[in-house]
Protein backbone atom coordinates (compact mmCIF):
# COMPACT_ATOMS: atom_id res chain seq x y z
CA MET A 1 117.89 6.06 -4.42
CA GLN A 2 116.63 9.31 -2.88
CA GLU A 3 112.89 9.76 -2.46
CA ASN A 4 111.34 13.13 -3.33
CA LYS A 5 109.28 14.56 -0.49
CA CYS A 6 106.71 17.27 -1.11
CA ASP A 7 104.84 18.77 1.82
CA ALA A 8 102.88 21.98 2.25
CA THR A 9 105.91 23.87 3.58
CA SER A 10 108.08 23.01 0.56
CA VAL A 11 105.28 23.81 -1.89
CA HIS A 12 104.62 27.17 -0.23
CA HIS A 13 108.34 27.89 -0.21
CA LEU A 14 108.49 27.24 -3.97
CA GLN A 15 105.55 29.61 -4.41
CA GLY A 16 107.45 32.35 -2.60
CA ILE A 17 105.71 32.01 0.74
CA SER A 18 108.04 31.99 3.74
CA PRO A 19 108.22 28.79 5.82
CA SER A 20 106.73 30.55 8.87
CA ALA A 21 103.79 31.79 6.79
CA SER A 22 103.45 28.31 5.37
CA VAL A 23 103.14 26.85 8.86
CA ALA A 24 100.55 29.50 9.67
CA LEU A 25 98.60 28.57 6.53
CA SER A 26 98.74 24.89 7.46
CA HIS A 27 97.49 25.64 10.97
CA GLU A 28 94.73 27.84 9.59
CA LYS A 29 93.43 24.91 7.54
CA VAL A 30 93.27 22.68 10.61
CA HIS A 31 91.20 25.12 12.68
CA LEU A 32 88.47 25.89 10.13
CA ASP A 33 85.00 24.85 11.17
CA PRO A 34 82.84 22.76 8.80
CA GLU A 35 80.65 25.72 7.82
CA GLU A 36 83.72 27.72 6.77
CA TRP A 37 85.05 24.77 4.75
CA ASN A 38 81.66 24.44 3.10
CA ARG A 39 81.49 28.16 2.29
CA ARG A 40 85.01 28.18 0.83
CA TYR A 41 84.30 25.03 -1.18
CA LYS A 42 81.10 26.49 -2.66
CA THR A 43 82.84 29.77 -3.47
CA SER A 44 85.70 27.95 -5.19
CA LEU A 45 83.29 25.73 -7.09
CA GLN A 46 81.30 28.77 -8.27
CA LYS A 47 84.49 30.55 -9.43
CA TYR A 48 85.60 27.43 -11.32
CA SER A 49 82.16 27.09 -12.92
CA ASN A 50 82.19 30.75 -14.01
CA ILE A 51 85.67 30.42 -15.52
CA ARG A 52 84.68 27.24 -17.35
CA LEU A 53 81.55 28.88 -18.75
CA SER A 54 83.53 31.94 -19.83
CA VAL A 55 86.12 29.83 -21.65
CA ARG A 56 83.40 27.80 -23.36
CA ASN A 57 81.69 31.01 -24.52
CA GLU A 58 84.97 32.41 -25.86
CA PHE A 59 85.60 29.22 -27.87
CA ALA A 60 82.05 29.30 -29.23
CA LEU A 61 82.46 32.93 -30.33
CA ALA A 62 85.82 32.16 -31.94
CA ALA A 63 84.36 29.17 -33.81
CA LEU A 64 81.41 31.22 -35.02
CA SER A 65 83.70 34.01 -36.16
CA MET A 66 86.01 31.57 -37.95
CA HIS A 67 83.03 29.90 -39.63
CA SER A 68 81.73 33.23 -40.92
CA MET A 69 85.19 34.25 -42.18
CA ILE A 70 85.58 30.95 -44.06
CA ALA A 71 82.09 31.26 -45.53
CA ARG A 72 82.87 34.81 -46.66
CA ALA A 73 86.17 33.68 -48.20
CA PHE A 74 84.38 30.98 -50.21
CA ASP A 75 81.81 33.54 -51.36
CA ILE A 76 84.61 35.80 -52.59
CA LEU A 77 86.33 32.90 -54.38
CA GLU A 78 83.06 31.84 -55.98
CA GLN A 79 82.42 35.37 -57.26
CA HIS A 80 86.00 35.59 -58.53
CA PHE A 81 85.79 32.31 -60.47
CA LYS A 82 82.36 33.16 -61.87
CA HIS A 83 83.64 36.53 -63.04
CA THR A 84 86.94 35.17 -64.39
CA TYR A 85 85.93 31.91 -66.06
CA PHE A 86 82.22 32.15 -66.78
CA ASN A 87 81.85 35.75 -67.91
CA PRO A 88 81.15 35.80 -71.67
């Protein structure tokens, strides 16, 4: 049975990055100093946090909008039934 191997070069190649650029990217990662790693990590973490907050806000706005539309629909139905069935 053949084993699937997945290294940085093959992943970069699948992403459209040439093998030589992939090797350069791999070497770049090795030569970063700890401060640069820390800065990149914090930047990535902040971007992820901002995206997560944005998505949460969008869902909250959508839920609020849906709730108000449903409430309005029930108000319309209530008025319709009152007018249709309970109007002397």
